[in-house]
Amino acid sequence: MGGAGAARDAKDGEFLELVSGRAGHLYRSACLLTSGDTHLAEDLVQETLGRMYVLWRRSAWRSGRSAAIDNPGAYAHTVMVRTFLAQQRRRSSTERPTGDVPEPAGHESDSTLRLTLLDALGRMPARDRAVLVLRYWEDRSVEETAEVMRSSAGAVRTRSSRALARLRTLLGDSLAELAAR
């Protein structure tokens, strides 16, 4: 009985190591996916980590008996994006919380640029947002993005191209003005 408890503690320690190493990156990606809504981003990361913990407890793949998951950190990102997309499909309405964004303090141009980009991402469909975050924030290949989004590489290329065009349309001249500062 003591051996099972020690093994469980070792698994928990390994999981905590994974979480401490990847939580920040997961949170930053989640912020982009949720268009800067930090509360939704925190919920998304918690949901992802909860799902990963269930997998971790099963742990057959961690000991090398299954080649399905070679990289737990990358798999956590995959779980997060799929969770985000599933949540977007389940939303009963397209309600968006509104509120005035406080004036940025210091580094005005950088903060303004960031807020402008987050606002534009927020006005895009969830799948477009996901493909932009995966391809250009996480720097994943077309094939990796296709695998995460469960679509073909051609569909990812098309969606990436169209999503970038939509983003440019949404930003209009504001991006050039902000970047010039």
Protein backbone atom coordinates (compact mmCIF):
# COMPACT_ATOMS: atom_id res chain seq x y z
CA MET A 1 0.00 0.00 0.00
CA GLY A 2 2.89 2.35 0.70
CA GLY A 3 4.28 1.72 -2.79
CA ALA A 4 1.03 2.81 -4.47
CA GLY A 5 0.96 6.03 -2.44
CA ALA A 6 4.57 6.80 -3.31
CA ALA A 7 3.90 6.15 -7.00
CA ARG A 8 0.86 8.47 -6.86
CA ASP A 9 2.93 11.17 -5.18
CA ALA A 10 5.61 10.80 -7.86
CA LYS A 11 2.95 11.14 -10.59
CA ASP A 12 1.55 14.22 -8.89
CA GLY A 13 5.03 15.71 -8.64
CA GLU A 14 5.63 15.13 -12.35
CA PHE A 15 2.27 16.71 -13.16
CA LEU A 16 3.09 19.76 -11.02
CA GLU A 17 6.39 20.05 -12.88
CA LEU A 18 4.52 20.03 -16.21
CA VAL A 19 2.06 22.63 -14.94
CA SER A 20 4.74 24.95 -13.57
CA GLY A 21 6.64 24.75 -16.85
CA ARG A 22 3.67 25.29 -19.21
CA ALA A 23 1.00 27.25 -17.30
CA GLY A 24 2.31 30.67 -18.31
CA HIS A 25 2.42 29.82 -21.99
CA LEU A 26 -1.02 28.21 -21.81
CA TYR A 27 -2.40 31.34 -20.16
CA ARG A 28 -0.91 33.69 -22.76
CA SER A 29 -2.33 31.60 -25.59
CA ALA A 30 -5.69 31.40 -23.81
CA CYS A 31 -5.75 35.20 -23.50
CA LEU A 32 -5.36 35.47 -27.24
CA LEU A 33 -8.01 32.85 -27.91
CA THR A 34 -10.47 34.64 -25.63
CA SER A 35 -9.65 38.07 -27.10
CA GLY A 36 -8.02 39.34 -23.95
CA ASP A 37 -10.75 38.23 -21.53
CA THR A 38 -8.49 37.20 -18.66
CA HIS A 39 -11.30 35.58 -16.68
CA LEU A 40 -12.30 33.32 -19.56
CA ALA A 41 -8.61 32.62 -20.21
CA GLU A 42 -8.10 31.51 -16.60
CA ASP A 43 -11.18 29.28 -16.84
CA LEU A 44 -9.91 27.80 -20.10
CA VAL A 45 -6.49 27.04 -18.60
CA GLN A 46 -8.09 25.47 -15.52
CA GLU A 47 -10.37 23.33 -17.69
CA THR A 48 -7.35 22.25 -19.74
CA LEU A 49 -5.27 21.39 -16.69
CA GLY A 50 -8.19 19.46 -15.20
CA ARG A 51 -8.48 17.37 -18.34
CA MET A 52 -4.73 16.86 -18.46
CA TYR A 53 -4.72 15.73 -14.82
CA VAL A 54 -7.31 13.04 -15.58
CA LEU A 55 -5.10 11.83 -18.43
CA TRP A 56 -2.02 12.08 -16.25
CA ARG A 57 -3.57 9.88 -13.58
CA ARG A 58 -4.21 7.18 -16.18
CA SER A 59 -0.56 7.64 -17.15
CA ALA A 60 -0.18 4.63 -19.45
CA TRP A 61 1.25 6.93 -22.12
CA ARG A 62 3.76 8.56 -19.75
CA SER A 63 5.58 5.33 -19.09
CA GLY A 64 6.19 4.68 -22.77
CA ARG A 65 3.49 2.08 -23.30
CA SER A 66 1.64 4.29 -25.78
CA ALA A 67 3.07 6.51 -28.48
CA ALA A 68 -0.13 8.57 -28.77
CA ILE A 69 1.26 11.51 -26.78
CA ASP A 70 4.96 12.17 -27.13
CA ASN A 71 5.00 15.73 -25.82
CA PRO A 72 2.66 16.49 -22.87
CA GLY A 73 3.21 20.27 -23.16
CA ALA A 74 2.17 20.35 -26.80
CA TYR A 75 -0.71 18.02 -26.04
CA ALA A 76 -1.91 20.43 -23.34
CA HIS A 77 -2.08 23.19 -25.98
CA THR A 78 -4.05 20.87 -28.25
CA VAL A 79 -6.48 20.10 -25.42
CA MET A 80 -6.84 23.84 -24.72
CA VAL A 81 -7.62 24.79 -28.32
CA ARG A 82 -10.10 21.95 -28.70
CA THR A 83 -11.75 22.91 -25.41
CA PHE A 84 -12.00 26.52 -26.57
CA LEU A 85 -13.56 25.53 -29.88
CA ALA A 86 -16.02 23.20 -28.15
CA GLN A 87 -17.03 25.99 -25.75
CA GLN A 88 -17.58 28.34 -28.68
CA ARG A 89 -19.84 25.82 -30.40
CA ARG A 90 -21.86 25.33 -27.22
CA ARG A 91 -22.49 28.99 -26.54
CA SER A 92 -26.22 29.60 -26.57
CA SER A 93 -25.81 33.15 -27.74
CA THR A 94 -23.17 35.49 -28.98
CA GLU A 95 -23.28 37.70 -25.91
CA ARG A 96 -20.10 39.57 -25.19
CA PRO A 97 -19.54 41.33 -21.89
CA THR A 98 -18.98 45.00 -22.41
CA GLY A 99 -17.27 47.60 -20.34
CA ASP A 100 -15.00 50.51 -20.74
CA VAL A 101 -11.37 49.63 -20.95
CA PRO A 102 -9.40 51.85 -18.56
CA GLU A 103 -6.84 54.18 -20.01
CA PRO A 104 -3.50 52.41 -20.36
CA ALA A 105 -0.79 53.51 -17.96
CA GLY A 106 2.67 53.97 -19.46
CA HIS A 107 3.92 52.44 -22.71
CA GLU A 108 0.84 53.84 -24.37
CA SER A 109 1.66 52.84 -27.93
CA ASP A 110 2.46 49.24 -27.01
CA SER A 111 -0.66 48.89 -24.85
CA THR A 112 -2.83 50.61 -27.42
CA LEU A 113 -1.51 48.34 -30.15
CA ARG A 114 -2.11 45.28 -27.98
CA LEU A 115 -5.67 46.36 -27.12
CA THR A 116 -6.41 47.11 -30.76
CA LEU A 117 -5.21 43.67 -31.81
CA LEU A 118 -7.16 41.95 -29.02
CA ASP A 119 -10.30 43.88 -29.97
CA ALA A 120 -9.91 42.86 -33.62
CA LEU A 121 -9.32 39.23 -32.63
CA GLY A 122 -12.44 39.39 -30.48
CA ARG A 123 -14.57 40.37 -33.46
CA MET A 124 -13.40 37.36 -35.47
CA PRO A 125 -15.05 33.92 -35.51
CA ALA A 126 -13.63 31.42 -33.02
CA ARG A 127 -12.07 29.11 -35.61
CA ASP A 128 -10.35 32.05 -37.33
CA ARG A 129 -9.00 33.20 -33.98
CA ALA A 130 -7.80 29.69 -33.19
CA VAL A 131 -5.97 29.30 -36.50
CA LEU A 132 -4.26 32.69 -36.10
CA VAL A 133 -3.16 31.91 -32.54
CA LEU A 134 -1.87 28.47 -33.48
CA ARG A 135 -0.09 29.55 -36.65
CA TYR A 136 1.30 32.95 -35.70
CA TRP A 137 1.42 33.10 -31.89
CA GLU A 138 2.43 29.53 -31.14
CA ASP A 139 4.34 29.27 -34.43
CA ARG A 140 2.92 25.87 -35.32
CA SER A 141 3.21 24.38 -38.77
CA VAL A 142 0.20 24.02 -41.06
CA GLU A 143 0.16 20.28 -40.40
CA GLU A 144 0.27 20.68 -36.61
CA THR A 145 -2.50 23.28 -36.77
CA ALA A 146 -4.59 20.98 -38.96
CA GLU A 147 -4.17 18.15 -36.48
CA VAL A 148 -5.22 20.32 -33.53
CA MET A 149 -8.22 21.73 -35.39
CA ARG A 150 -9.13 18.34 -36.86
CA SER A 151 -9.11 19.57 -40.43
CA SER A 152 -6.96 19.24 -43.53
CA ALA A 153 -3.78 21.18 -44.19
CA GLY A 154 -5.44 22.85 -47.19
CA ALA A 155 -8.34 23.99 -45.01
CA VAL A 156 -5.87 25.49 -42.52
CA ARG A 157 -4.02 27.35 -45.29
CA THR A 158 -7.29 28.71 -46.66
CA ARG A 159 -8.60 29.68 -43.22
CA SER A 160 -5.25 31.32 -42.32
CA SER A 161 -5.26 33.38 -45.47
CA ARG A 162 -8.88 34.47 -45.06
CA ALA A 163 -8.48 35.13 -41.34
CA LEU A 164 -5.45 37.36 -41.97
CA ALA A 165 -7.41 39.24 -44.64
CA ARG A 166 -10.32 39.71 -42.17
CA LEU A 167 -7.92 40.88 -39.48
CA ARG A 168 -6.37 43.41 -41.86
CA THR A 169 -9.85 44.63 -42.80
CA LEU A 170 -10.86 44.95 -39.15
CA LEU A 171 -7.68 46.82 -38.27
CA GLY A 172 -7.78 49.07 -41.33
CA ASP A 173 -5.45 52.02 -41.00
CA SER A 174 -5.32 51.83 -37.20
CA LEU A 175 -2.53 49.23 -37.20
CA ALA A 176 -0.27 51.33 -39.43
CA GLU A 177 -0.90 54.36 -37.23
CA LEU A 178 -0.14 52.47 -34.04
CA ALA A 179 2.94 50.75 -35.44
CA ALA A 180 4.34 54.07 -36.64
CA ARG A 181 4.41 55.51 -33.09
